[in-house]
């Protein structure tokens, strides 16, 4: 069952995935959920704590990360649902491209030709 995703929400997800640092944070949470800000700062050591917080806020707005207060800390968890919705809406539809009757050749310019013809 495919769930429709709001186009604005989809834009937020693409924006959140567009940055290498934010993708690194998502990878870290995929490996081990429930990490604190201090733990996630070690994923991006060249970035300030406030920079990491900004990345997390963008990901929370895109619903890619869910956070919960535990005592005095805030733990972050990956929410894979928006990525799955992007997959279902975009990637799965183009994964089978080209149709069997069409082959693709690459050169400096992508050309589409009929299979068996030159």
PDB file of N, CA and C in Angstrom:
ATOM      1  N   UNK A   1       0.835  -1.184   0.000  1.00  0.00           N
ATOM      2  CA  UNK A   1       0.000   0.000   0.000  1.00  0.00           C
ATOM      3  C   UNK A   1       0.879   1.247   0.000  1.00  0.00           C
ATOM      4  N   UNK A   2       0.750   2.084  -1.005  1.00  0.00           N
ATOM      5  CA  UNK A   2       1.553   3.287  -1.112  1.00  0.00           C
ATOM      6  C   UNK A   2       0.835   4.434  -0.428  1.00  0.00           C
ATOM      7  N   UNK A   3       1.569   5.128   0.436  1.00  0.00           N
ATOM      8  CA  UNK A   3       1.025   6.299   1.099  1.00  0.00           C
ATOM      9  C   UNK A   3       1.464   7.522   0.312  1.00  0.00           C
ATOM     10  N   UNK A   4       0.538   8.451   0.057  1.00  0.00           N
ATOM     11  CA  UNK A   4       0.904   9.666  -0.650  1.00  0.00           C
ATOM     12  C   UNK A   4       1.630  10.587   0.314  1.00  0.00           C
ATOM     13  N   UNK A   5       2.607  11.284  -0.217  1.00  0.00           N
ATOM     14  CA  UNK A   5       3.366  12.237   0.577  1.00  0.00           C
ATOM     15  C   UNK A   5       3.110  13.626   0.020  1.00  0.00           C
ATOM     16  N   UNK A   6       2.887  14.554   0.888  1.00  0.00           N
ATOM     17  CA  UNK A   6       2.651  15.938   0.537  1.00  0.00           C
ATOM     18  C   UNK A   6       3.868  16.464  -0.234  1.00  0.00           C
ATOM     19  N   UNK A   7       3.667  17.160  -1.362  1.00  0.00           N
ATOM     20  CA  UNK A   7       4.805  17.667  -2.139  1.00  0.00           C
ATOM     21  C   UNK A   7       5.748  18.562  -1.324  1.00  0.00           C
ATOM     22  N   UNK A   8       5.200  19.383  -0.425  1.00  0.00           N
ATOM     23  CA  UNK A   8       6.061  20.233   0.407  1.00  0.00           C
ATOM     24  C   UNK A   8       6.888  19.389   1.363  1.00  0.00           C
ATOM     25  N   UNK A   9       6.283  18.342   1.920  1.00  0.00           N
ATOM     26  CA  UNK A   9       7.013  17.440   2.810  1.00  0.00           C
ATOM     27  C   UNK A   9       8.093  16.701   2.029  1.00  0.00           C
ATOM     28  N   UNK A  10       7.788  16.341   0.782  1.00  0.00           N
ATOM     29  CA  UNK A  10       8.768  15.666  -0.056  1.00  0.00           C
ATOM     30  C   UNK A  10       9.956  16.594  -0.324  1.00  0.00           C
ATOM     31  N   UNK A  11       9.682  17.868  -0.551  1.00  0.00           N
ATOM     32  CA  UNK A  11      10.757  18.842  -0.752  1.00  0.00           C
ATOM     33  C   UNK A  11      11.651  18.923   0.484  1.00  0.00           C
ATOM     34  N   UNK A  12      11.030  18.890   1.667  1.00  0.00           N
ATOM     35  CA  UNK A  12      11.801  18.924   2.911  1.00  0.00           C
ATOM     36  C   UNK A  12      12.718  17.710   3.031  1.00  0.00           C
ATOM     37  N   UNK A  13      12.224  16.549   2.622  1.00  0.00           N
ATOM     38  CA  UNK A  13      13.032  15.325   2.684  1.00  0.00           C
ATOM     39  C   UNK A  13      14.205  15.427   1.710  1.00  0.00           C
ATOM     40  N   UNK A  14      13.948  15.853   0.475  1.00  0.00           N
ATOM     41  CA  UNK A  14      15.031  16.004  -0.493  1.00  0.00           C
ATOM     42  C   UNK A  14      16.065  17.022  -0.002  1.00  0.00           C
ATOM     43  N   UNK A  15      15.601  18.116   0.582  1.00  0.00           N
ATOM     44  CA  UNK A  15      16.521  19.126   1.122  1.00  0.00           C
ATOM     45  C   UNK A  15      17.381  18.519   2.225  1.00  0.00           C
ATOM     46  N   UNK A  16      16.746  17.748   3.105  1.00  0.00           N
ATOM     47  CA  UNK A  16      17.481  17.142   4.219  1.00  0.00           C
ATOM     48  C   UNK A  16      18.491  16.109   3.731  1.00  0.00           C
ATOM     49  N   UNK A  17      18.186  15.432   2.638  1.00  0.00           N
ATOM     50  CA  UNK A  17      19.087  14.410   2.099  1.00  0.00           C
ATOM     51  C   UNK A  17      20.173  14.994   1.197  1.00  0.00           C
ATOM     52  N   UNK A  18      20.031  16.253   0.814  1.00  0.00           N
ATOM     53  CA  UNK A  18      20.948  16.855  -0.155  1.00  0.00           C
ATOM     54  C   UNK A  18      22.332  17.142   0.415  1.00  0.00           C
ATOM     55  N   UNK A  19      22.458  17.187   1.727  1.00  0.00           N
ATOM     56  CA  UNK A  19      23.734  17.540   2.347  1.00  0.00           C
ATOM     57  C   UNK A  19      24.478  16.297   2.836  1.00  0.00           C
ATOM     58  N   UNK A  20      25.761  16.221   2.521  1.00  0.00           N
ATOM     59  CA  UNK A  20      26.594  15.069   2.903  1.00  0.00           C
ATOM     60  C   UNK A  20      26.642  14.883   4.426  1.00  0.00           C
ATOM     61  N   UNK A  21      26.747  15.969   5.167  1.00  0.00           N
ATOM     62  CA  UNK A  21      26.794  15.887   6.629  1.00  0.00           C
ATOM     63  C   UNK A  21      25.507  15.339   7.213  1.00  0.00           C
ATOM     64  N   UNK A  22      24.381  15.780   6.671  1.00  0.00           N
ATOM     65  CA  UNK A  22      23.096  15.270   7.168  1.00  0.00           C
ATOM     66  C   UNK A  22      22.934  13.797   6.841  1.00  0.00           C
ATOM     67  N   UNK A  23      23.430  13.384   5.674  1.00  0.00           N
ATOM     68  CA  UNK A  23      23.379  11.959   5.339  1.00  0.00           C
ATOM     69  C   UNK A  23      24.260  11.149   6.288  1.00  0.00           C
ATOM     70  N   UNK A  24      25.393  11.709   6.680  1.00  0.00           N
ATOM     71  CA  UNK A  24      26.278  11.021   7.627  1.00  0.00           C
ATOM     72  C   UNK A  24      25.581  10.848   8.978  1.00  0.00           C
ATOM     73  N   UNK A  25      24.845  11.855   9.400  1.00  0.00           N
ATOM     74  CA  UNK A  25      24.094  11.743  10.660  1.00  0.00           C
ATOM     75  C   UNK A  25      23.027  10.653  10.565  1.00  0.00           C
ATOM     76  N   UNK A  26      22.329  10.600   9.430  1.00  0.00           N
ATOM     77  CA  UNK A  26      21.311   9.553   9.244  1.00  0.00           C
ATOM     78  C   UNK A  26      21.952   8.168   9.244  1.00  0.00           C
ATOM     79  N   UNK A  27      23.106   8.038   8.610  1.00  0.00           N
ATOM     80  CA  UNK A  27      23.809   6.749   8.614  1.00  0.00           C
ATOM     81  C   UNK A  27      24.181   6.342  10.036  1.00  0.00           C
ATOM     82  N   UNK A  28      24.643   7.301  10.822  1.00  0.00           N
ATOM     83  CA  UNK A  28      25.014   7.003  12.211  1.00  0.00           C
ATOM     84  C   UNK A  28      23.797   6.543  13.013  1.00  0.00           C
ATOM     85  N   UNK A  29      22.656   7.163  12.760  1.00  0.00           N
ATOM     86  CA  UNK A  29      21.439   6.764  13.485  1.00  0.00           C
ATOM     87  C   UNK A  29      20.876   5.449  12.961  1.00  0.00           C
ATOM     88  N   UNK A  30      21.145   5.138  11.709  1.00  0.00           N
ATOM     89  CA  UNK A  30      20.723   3.834  11.190  1.00  0.00           C
ATOM     90  C   UNK A  30      21.516   2.725  11.868  1.00  0.00           C
ATOM     91  N   UNK A  31      22.795   2.973  12.094  1.00  0.00           N
ATOM     92  CA  UNK A  31      23.649   1.986  12.746  1.00  0.00           C
ATOM     93  C   UNK A  31      23.287   1.833  14.221  1.00  0.00           C
ATOM     94  N   UNK A  32      23.062   2.983  14.890  1.00  0.00           N
ATOM     95  CA  UNK A  32      22.711   2.925  16.308  1.00  0.00           C
ATOM     96  C   UNK A  32      21.795   4.090  16.653  1.00  0.00           C
ATOM     97  N   UNK A  33      20.552   3.778  16.912  1.00  0.00           N
ATOM     98  CA  UNK A  33      19.579   4.800  17.277  1.00  0.00           C
ATOM     99  C   UNK A  33      19.743   5.233  18.719  1.00  0.00           C
ATOM    100  N   UNK A  34      19.077   6.311  19.067  1.00  0.00           N
ATOM    101  CA  UNK A  34      19.080   6.789  20.439  1.00  0.00           C
ATOM    102  C   UNK A  34      20.314   7.580  20.820  1.00  0.00           C
ATOM    103  N   UNK A  35      21.029   8.125  19.828  1.00  0.00           N
ATOM    104  CA  UNK A  35      22.236   8.888  20.131  1.00  0.00           C
ATOM    105  C   UNK A  35      21.893  10.311  20.564  1.00  0.00           C
ATOM    106  N   UNK A  36      22.731  10.837  21.429  1.00  0.00           N
ATOM    107  CA  UNK A  36      22.569  12.209  21.912  1.00  0.00           C
ATOM    108  C   UNK A  36      23.283  13.165  20.968  1.00  0.00           C
ATOM    109  N   UNK A  37      23.081  14.458  21.203  1.00  0.00           N
ATOM    110  CA  UNK A  37      23.756  15.473  20.403  1.00  0.00           C
ATOM    111  C   UNK A  37      25.272  15.317  20.529  1.00  0.00           C
ATOM    112  N   UNK A  38      25.767  15.096  21.736  1.00  0.00           N
ATOM    113  CA  UNK A  38      27.214  14.952  21.934  1.00  0.00           C
ATOM    114  C   UNK A  38      27.762  13.777  21.118  1.00  0.00           C
ATOM    115  N   UNK A  39      27.035  12.672  21.086  1.00  0.00           N
ATOM    116  CA  UNK A  39      27.477  11.516  20.307  1.00  0.00           C
ATOM    117  C   UNK A  39      27.451  11.817  18.809  1.00  0.00           C
ATOM    118  N   UNK A  40      26.424  12.515  18.368  1.00  0.00           N
ATOM    119  CA  UNK A  40      26.316  12.837  16.949  1.00  0.00           C
ATOM    120  C   UNK A  40      27.339  13.881  16.513  1.00  0.00           C
ATOM    121  N   UNK A  41      27.786  14.719  17.438  1.00  0.00           N
ATOM    122  CA  UNK A  41      28.834  15.689  17.103  1.00  0.00           C
ATOM    123  C   UNK A  41      30.121  14.977  16.709  1.00  0.00           C
ATOM    124  N   UNK A  42      30.344  13.778  17.232  1.00  0.00           N
ATOM    125  CA  UNK A  42      31.561  13.041  16.877  1.00  0.00           C
ATOM    126  C   UNK A  42      31.510  12.528  15.432  1.00  0.00           C
ATOM    127  N   UNK A  43      30.307  12.478  14.854  1.00  0.00           N
ATOM    128  CA  UNK A  43      30.170  12.064  13.451  1.00  0.00           C
ATOM    129  C   UNK A  43      30.700  13.156  12.525  1.00  0.00           C
ATOM    130  N   UNK A  44      30.539  14.401  12.935  1.00  0.00           N
ATOM    131  CA  UNK A  44      30.981  15.561  12.147  1.00  0.00           C
ATOM    132  C   UNK A  44      31.934  16.409  12.988  1.00  0.00           C
ATOM    133  N   UNK A  45      33.134  15.907  13.268  1.00  0.00           N
ATOM    134  CA  UNK A  45      34.043  16.610  14.181  1.00  0.00           C
ATOM    135  C   UNK A  45      34.494  17.986  13.681  1.00  0.00           C
ATOM    136  N   UNK A  46      34.446  18.219  12.389  1.00  0.00           N
ATOM    137  CA  UNK A  46      34.863  19.509  11.844  1.00  0.00           C
ATOM    138  C   UNK A  46      33.775  20.574  12.002  1.00  0.00           C
ATOM    139  N   UNK A  47      32.605  20.178  12.444  1.00  0.00           N
ATOM    140  CA  UNK A  47      31.462  21.080  12.546  1.00  0.00           C
ATOM    141  C   UNK A  47      31.218  21.459  14.006  1.00  0.00           C
ATOM    142  N   UNK A  48      30.747  22.675  14.218  1.00  0.00           N
ATOM    143  CA  UNK A  48      30.426  23.118  15.575  1.00  0.00           C
ATOM    144  C   UNK A  48      29.177  22.396  16.084  1.00  0.00           C
ATOM    145  N   UNK A  49      29.015  22.416  17.373  1.00  0.00           N
ATOM    146  CA  UNK A  49      27.827  21.828  18.001  1.00  0.00           C
ATOM    147  C   UNK A  49      26.553  22.467  17.434  1.00  0.00           C
ATOM    148  N   UNK A  50      26.603  23.784  17.230  1.00  0.00           N
ATOM    149  CA  UNK A  50      25.435  24.493  16.706  1.00  0.00           C
ATOM    150  C   UNK A  50      25.158  24.105  15.251  1.00  0.00           C
ATOM    151  N   UNK A  51      26.203  23.834  14.490  1.00  0.00           N
ATOM    152  CA  UNK A  51      26.018  23.364  13.113  1.00  0.00           C
ATOM    153  C   UNK A  51      25.324  22.005  13.081  1.00  0.00           C
ATOM    154  N   UNK A  52      25.754  21.106  13.974  1.00  0.00           N
ATOM    155  CA  UNK A  52      25.114  19.785  14.060  1.00  0.00           C
ATOM    156  C   UNK A  52      23.662  19.944  14.493  1.00  0.00           C
ATOM    157  N   UNK A  53      23.408  20.838  15.445  1.00  0.00           N
ATOM    158  CA  UNK A  53      22.025  21.077  15.896  1.00  0.00           C
ATOM    159  C   UNK A  53      21.159  21.580  14.742  1.00  0.00           C
ATOM    160  N   UNK A  54      21.720  22.434  13.886  1.00  0.00           N
ATOM    161  CA  UNK A  54      20.970  22.949  12.734  1.00  0.00           C
ATOM    162  C   UNK A  54      20.633  21.805  11.775  1.00  0.00           C
ATOM    163  N   UNK A  55      21.604  20.919  11.522  1.00  0.00           N
ATOM    164  CA  UNK A  55      21.342  19.762  10.666  1.00  0.00           C
ATOM    165  C   UNK A  55      20.244  18.887  11.262  1.00  0.00           C
ATOM    166  N   UNK A  56      20.301  18.647  12.550  1.00  0.00           N
ATOM    167  CA  UNK A  56      19.280  17.812  13.197  1.00  0.00           C
ATOM    168  C   UNK A  56      17.906  18.463  13.107  1.00  0.00           C
ATOM    169  N   UNK A  57      17.855  19.775  13.261  1.00  0.00           N
ATOM    170  CA  UNK A  57      16.567  20.486  13.176  1.00  0.00           C
ATOM    171  C   UNK A  57      15.969  20.342  11.769  1.00  0.00           C
ATOM    172  N   UNK A  58      16.802  20.460  10.735  1.00  0.00           N
ATOM    173  CA  UNK A  58      16.317  20.294   9.353  1.00  0.00           C
ATOM    174  C   UNK A  58      15.781  18.875   9.155  1.00  0.00           C
ATOM    175  N   UNK A  59      16.492  17.887   9.702  1.00  0.00           N
ATOM    176  CA  UNK A  59      16.045  16.503   9.571  1.00  0.00           C
ATOM    177  C   UNK A  59      14.772  16.236  10.376  1.00  0.00           C
ATOM    178  N   UNK A  60      14.636  16.876  11.529  1.00  0.00           N
ATOM    179  CA  UNK A  60      13.397  16.727  12.309  1.00  0.00           C
ATOM    180  C   UNK A  60      12.216  17.350  11.563  1.00  0.00           C
ATOM    181  N   UNK A  61      12.442  18.499  10.927  1.00  0.00           N
ATOM    182  CA  UNK A  61      11.374  19.150  10.156  1.00  0.00           C
ATOM    183  C   UNK A  61      10.927  18.282   8.988  1.00  0.00           C
ATOM    184  N   UNK A  62      11.846  17.481   8.451  1.00  0.00           N
ATOM    185  CA  UNK A  62      11.526  16.569   7.353  1.00  0.00           C
ATOM    186  C   UNK A  62      11.023  15.225   7.876  1.00  0.00           C
ATOM    187  N   UNK A  63      10.923  15.090   9.176  1.00  0.00           N
ATOM    188  CA  UNK A  63      10.452  13.867   9.848  1.00  0.00           C
ATOM    189  C   UNK A  63      11.379  12.675   9.604  1.00  0.00           C
ATOM    190  N   UNK A  64      12.654  12.948   9.295  1.00  0.00           N
ATOM    191  CA  UNK A  64      13.627  11.875   9.118  1.00  0.00           C
ATOM    192  C   UNK A  64      14.207  11.427  10.453  1.00  0.00           C
ATOM    193  N   UNK A  65      14.118  12.308  11.444  1.00  0.00           N
ATOM    194  CA  UNK A  65      14.612  12.006  12.783  1.00  0.00           C
ATOM    195  C   UNK A  65      13.499  12.277  13.778  1.00  0.00           C
ATOM    196  N   UNK A  66      13.344  11.358  14.705  1.00  0.00           N
ATOM    197  CA  UNK A  66      12.428  11.530  15.829  1.00  0.00           C
ATOM    198  C   UNK A  66      13.275  11.679  17.085  1.00  0.00           C
ATOM    199  N   UNK A  67      12.894  12.595  17.958  1.00  0.00           N
ATOM    200  CA  UNK A  67      13.657  12.837  19.173  1.00  0.00           C
ATOM    201  C   UNK A  67      12.783  12.620  20.386  1.00  0.00           C
ATOM    202  N   UNK A  68      13.430  12.162  21.460  1.00  0.00           N
ATOM    203  CA  UNK A  68      12.714  11.994  22.727  1.00  0.00           C
ATOM    204  C   UNK A  68      13.599  12.451  23.860  1.00  0.00           C
ATOM    205  N   UNK A  69      12.987  13.112  24.835  1.00  0.00           N
ATOM    206  CA  UNK A  69      13.709  13.539  26.030  1.00  0.00           C
ATOM    207  C   UNK A  69      13.837  12.352  26.961  1.00  0.00           C
ATOM    208  N   UNK A  70      15.064  12.105  27.399  1.00  0.00           N
ATOM    209  CA  UNK A  70      15.323  11.054  28.379  1.00  0.00           C
ATOM    210  C   UNK A  70      16.173  11.701  29.467  1.00  0.00           C
ATOM    211  N   UNK A  71      15.525  11.987  30.585  1.00  0.00           N
ATOM    212  CA  UNK A  71      16.234  12.711  31.644  1.00  0.00           C
ATOM    213  C   UNK A  71      16.637  14.086  31.155  1.00  0.00           C
ATOM    214  N   UNK A  72      17.916  14.381  31.243  1.00  0.00           N
ATOM    215  CA  UNK A  72      18.419  15.685  30.810  1.00  0.00           C
ATOM    216  C   UNK A  72      18.912  15.676  29.371  1.00  0.00           C
ATOM    217  N   UNK A  73      18.834  14.541  28.715  1.00  0.00           N
ATOM    218  CA  UNK A  73      19.336  14.443  27.346  1.00  0.00           C
ATOM    219  C   UNK A  73      18.187  14.262  26.359  1.00  0.00           C
ATOM    220  N   UNK A  74      18.514  14.461  25.123  1.00  0.00           N
ATOM    221  CA  UNK A  74      17.573  14.255  24.033  1.00  0.00           C
ATOM    222  C   UNK A  74      18.175  13.172  23.147  1.00  0.00           C
ATOM    223  N   UNK A  75      17.456  12.090  22.940  1.00  0.00           N
ATOM    224  CA  UNK A  75      17.939  11.006  22.094  1.00  0.00           C
ATOM    225  C   UNK A  75      17.277  11.100  20.725  1.00  0.00           C
ATOM    226  N   UNK A  76      18.068  10.816  19.705  1.00  0.00           N
ATOM    227  CA  UNK A  76      17.611  10.935  18.326  1.00  0.00           C
ATOM    228  C   UNK A  76      17.521   9.551  17.702  1.00  0.00           C
ATOM    229  N   UNK A  77      16.461   9.341  16.913  1.00  0.00           N
ATOM    230  CA  UNK A  77      16.216   8.062  16.248  1.00  0.00           C
ATOM    231  C   UNK A  77      15.886   8.307  14.781  1.00  0.00           C
ATOM    232  N   UNK A  78      16.350   7.415  13.929  1.00  0.00           N
ATOM    233  CA  UNK A  78      16.027   7.480  12.506  1.00  0.00           C
ATOM    234  C   UNK A  78      14.572   7.084  12.289  1.00  0.00           C
ATOM    235  N   UNK A  79      13.888   7.853  11.456  1.00  0.00           N
ATOM    236  CA  UNK A  79      12.540   7.504  11.024  1.00  0.00           C
ATOM    237  C   UNK A  79      12.629   7.221   9.518  1.00  0.00           C
ATOM    238  N   UNK A  80      12.619   5.957   9.108  1.00  0.00           N
ATOM    239  CA  UNK A  80      12.811   5.638   7.685  1.00  0.00           C
ATOM    240  C   UNK A  80      11.577   5.848   6.810  1.00  0.00           C
ATOM    241  N   UNK A  81      10.438   6.185   7.395  1.00  0.00           N
ATOM    242  CA  UNK A  81       9.195   6.286   6.623  1.00  0.00           C
ATOM    243  C   UNK A  81       9.286   7.304   5.482  1.00  0.00           C
ATOM    244  N   UNK A  82       9.772   8.536   5.704  1.00  0.00           N
ATOM    245  CA  UNK A  82       9.838   9.478   4.573  1.00  0.00           C
ATOM    246  C   UNK A  82      10.749   8.998   3.442  1.00  0.00           C
ATOM    247  N   UNK A  83      11.845   8.321   3.785  1.00  0.00           N
ATOM    248  CA  UNK A  83      12.731   7.795   2.740  1.00  0.00           C
ATOM    249  C   UNK A  83      12.014   6.704   1.956  1.00  0.00           C
ATOM    250  N   UNK A  84      11.253   5.887   2.651  1.00  0.00           N
ATOM    251  CA  UNK A  84      10.485   4.833   1.976  1.00  0.00           C
ATOM    252  C   UNK A  84       9.430   5.443   1.048  1.00  0.00           C
ATOM    253  N   UNK A  85       8.811   6.520   1.489  1.00  0.00           N
ATOM    254  CA  UNK A  85       7.812   7.174   0.648  1.00  0.00           C
ATOM    255  C   UNK A  85       8.453   7.753  -0.613  1.00  0.00           C
ATOM    256  N   UNK A  86       9.644   8.322  -0.479  1.00  0.00           N
ATOM    257  CA  UNK A  86      10.384   8.823  -1.649  1.00  0.00           C
ATOM    258  C   UNK A  86      10.701   7.654  -2.578  1.00  0.00           C
ATOM    259  N   UNK A  87      11.150   6.547  -2.003  1.00  0.00           N
ATOM    260  CA  UNK A  87      11.457   5.355  -2.794  1.00  0.00           C
ATOM    261  C   UNK A  87      10.225   4.892  -3.569  1.00  0.00           C
ATOM    262  N   UNK A  88       9.109   4.763  -2.857  1.00  0.00           N
ATOM    263  CA  UNK A  88       7.894   4.270  -3.499  1.00  0.00           C
ATOM    264  C   UNK A  88       7.403   5.218  -4.585  1.00  0.00           C
ATOM    265  N   UNK A  89       7.523   6.516  -4.356  1.00  0.00           N
ATOM    266  CA  UNK A  89       7.018   7.513  -5.308  1.00  0.00           C
ATOM    267  C   UNK A  89       7.943   7.688  -6.504  1.00  0.00           C
ATOM    268  N   UNK A  90       9.260   7.692  -6.299  1.00  0.00           N
ATOM    269  CA  UNK A  90      10.192   8.026  -7.356  1.00  0.00           C
ATOM    270  C   UNK A  90      11.081   6.874  -7.799  1.00  0.00           C
ATOM    271  N   UNK A  91      11.833   6.330  -6.896  1.00  0.00           N
ATOM    272  CA  UNK A  91      12.888   5.387  -7.272  1.00  0.00           C
ATOM    273  C   UNK A  91      12.333   4.105  -7.863  1.00  0.00           C
ATOM    274  N   UNK A  92      11.329   3.528  -7.231  1.00  0.00           N
ATOM    275  CA  UNK A  92      10.802   2.246  -7.718  1.00  0.00           C
ATOM    276  C   UNK A  92      10.217   2.370  -9.128  1.00  0.00           C
ATOM    277  N   UNK A  93       9.675   3.533  -9.461  1.00  0.00           N
ATOM    278  CA  UNK A  93       9.081   3.722 -10.792  1.00  0.00           C
ATOM    279  C   UNK A  93      10.130   3.800 -11.887  1.00  0.00           C
ATOM    280  N   UNK A  94      11.326   4.234 -11.541  1.00  0.00           N
ATOM    281  CA  UNK A  94      12.369   4.403 -12.547  1.00  0.00           C
ATOM    282  C   UNK A  94      13.417   3.300 -12.496  1.00  0.00           C
ATOM    283  N   UNK A  95      13.331   2.416 -11.522  1.00  0.00           N
ATOM    284  CA  UNK A  95      14.319   1.345 -11.381  1.00  0.00           C
ATOM    285  C   UNK A  95      14.270   0.383 -12.565  1.00  0.00           C
ATOM    286  N   UNK A  96      13.117   0.192 -13.140  1.00  0.00           N
ATOM    287  CA  UNK A  96      12.966  -0.737 -14.257  1.00  0.00           C
ATOM    288  C   UNK A  96      13.198  -0.054 -15.608  1.00  0.00           C
ATOM    289  N   UNK A  97      13.535   1.214 -15.605  1.00  0.00           N
ATOM    290  CA  UNK A  97      13.766   1.939 -16.843  1.00  0.00           C
ATOM    291  C   UNK A  97      15.094   1.530 -17.417  1.00  0.00           C
ATOM    292  N   UNK A  98      15.306   1.362 -18.647  1.00  0.00           N
ATOM    293  CA  UNK A  98      14.334   1.547 -19.711  1.00  0.00           C
ATOM    294  C   UNK A  98      13.473   0.305 -19.872  1.00  0.00           C
ATOM    295  N   UNK A  99      12.328   0.461 -20.520  1.00  0.00           N
ATOM    296  CA  UNK A  99      11.516  -0.716 -20.811  1.00  0.00           C
ATOM    297  C   UNK A  99      12.340  -1.702 -21.640  1.00  0.00           C
ATOM    298  N   UNK A 100      11.981  -2.973 -21.630  1.00  0.00           N
ATOM    299  CA  UNK A 100      12.772  -3.981 -22.348  1.00  0.00           C
ATOM    300  C   UNK A 100      12.995  -3.668 -23.823  1.00  0.00           C
ATOM    301  N   UNK A 101      12.112  -2.925 -24.446  1.00  0.00           N
ATOM    302  CA  UNK A 101      12.257  -2.654 -25.878  1.00  0.00           C
ATOM    303  C   UNK A 101      13.254  -1.533 -26.167  1.00  0.00           C
ATOM    304  N   UNK A 102      13.743  -0.882 -25.148  1.00  0.00           N
ATOM    305  CA  UNK A 102      14.656   0.236 -25.358  1.00  0.00           C
ATOM    306  C   UNK A 102      15.966  -0.026 -24.625  1.00  0.00           C
ATOM    307  N   UNK A 103      17.077   0.165 -25.305  1.00  0.00           N
ATOM    308  CA  UNK A 103      18.399   0.053 -24.690  1.00  0.00           C
ATOM    309  C   UNK A 103      18.989   1.456 -24.593  1.00  0.00           C
ATOM    310  N   UNK A 104      19.883   1.633 -23.637  1.00  0.00           N
ATOM    311  CA  UNK A 104      20.529   2.936 -23.498  1.00  0.00           C
ATOM    312  C   UNK A 104      22.019   2.771 -23.743  1.00  0.00           C
ATOM    313  N   UNK A 105      22.584   3.692 -24.474  1.00  0.00           N
ATOM    314  CA  UNK A 105      24.024   3.746 -24.682  1.00  0.00           C
ATOM    315  C   UNK A 105      24.510   5.058 -24.116  1.00  0.00           C
ATOM    316  N   UNK A 106      25.649   4.988 -23.442  1.00  0.00           N
ATOM    317  CA  UNK A 106      26.155   6.252 -22.946  1.00  0.00           C
ATOM    318  C   UNK A 106      27.381   6.653 -23.741  1.00  0.00           C
ATOM    319  N   UNK A 107      27.481   7.905 -23.967  1.00  0.00           N
ATOM    320  CA  UNK A 107      28.663   8.522 -24.547  1.00  0.00           C
ATOM    321  C   UNK A 107      28.711   9.888 -23.895  1.00  0.00           C
ATOM    322  N   UNK A 108      29.206  10.877 -24.573  1.00  0.00           N
ATOM    323  CA  UNK A 108      29.184  12.202 -23.974  1.00  0.00           C
ATOM    324  C   UNK A 108      27.736  12.690 -23.839  1.00  0.00           C
ATOM    325  N   UNK A 109      26.872  12.189 -24.672  1.00  0.00           N
ATOM    326  CA  UNK A 109      25.445  12.516 -24.605  1.00  0.00           C
ATOM    327  C   UNK A 109      24.687  11.202 -24.528  1.00  0.00           C
ATOM    328  N   UNK A 110      23.710  11.147 -23.661  1.00  0.00           N
ATOM    329  CA  UNK A 110      22.902   9.930 -23.522  1.00  0.00           C
ATOM    330  C   UNK A 110      21.984   9.803 -24.726  1.00  0.00           C
ATOM    331  N   UNK A 111      22.043   8.640 -25.375  1.00  0.00           N
ATOM    332  CA  UNK A 111      21.185   8.382 -26.537  1.00  0.00           C
ATOM    333  C   UNK A 111      20.307   7.193 -26.235  1.00  0.00           C
ATOM    334  N   UNK A 112      19.054   7.263 -26.643  1.00  0.00           N
ATOM    335  CA  UNK A 112      18.127   6.153 -26.487  1.00  0.00           C
ATOM    336  C   UNK A 112      17.895   5.572 -27.867  1.00  0.00           C
ATOM    337  N   UNK A 113      18.074   4.249 -27.994  1.00  0.00           N
ATOM    338  CA  UNK A 113      17.879   3.579 -29.282  1.00  0.00           C
ATOM    339  C   UNK A 113      17.014   2.354 -29.089  1.00  0.00           C
ATOM    340  N   UNK A 114      16.434   1.895 -30.158  1.00  0.00           N
ATOM    341  CA  UNK A 114      15.692   0.645 -30.137  1.00  0.00           C
ATOM    342  C   UNK A 114      16.668  -0.501 -30.074  1.00  0.00           C
ATOM    343  N   UNK A 115      16.363  -1.517 -29.268  1.00  0.00           N
ATOM    344  CA  UNK A 115      17.234  -2.687 -29.191  1.00  0.00           C
ATOM    345  C   UNK A 115      17.346  -3.329 -30.561  1.00  0.00           C
ATOM    346  N   UNK A 116      18.550  -3.730 -30.901  1.00  0.00           N
ATOM    347  CA  UNK A 116      18.769  -4.431 -32.163  1.00  0.00           C
ATOM    348  C   UNK A 116      18.981  -3.503 -33.337  1.00  0.00           C
ATOM    349  N   UNK A 117      18.833  -2.185 -33.172  1.00  0.00           N
ATOM    350  CA  UNK A 117      19.078  -1.274 -34.289  1.00  0.00           C
ATOM    351  C   UNK A 117      20.303  -0.442 -33.958  1.00  0.00           C
ATOM    352  N   UNK A 118      20.929   0.076 -34.961  1.00  0.00           N
ATOM    353  CA  UNK A 118      22.137   0.900 -34.738  1.00  0.00           C
ATOM    354  C   UNK A 118      21.951   2.258 -35.341  1.00  0.00           C
TER     355      UNK A 118
END
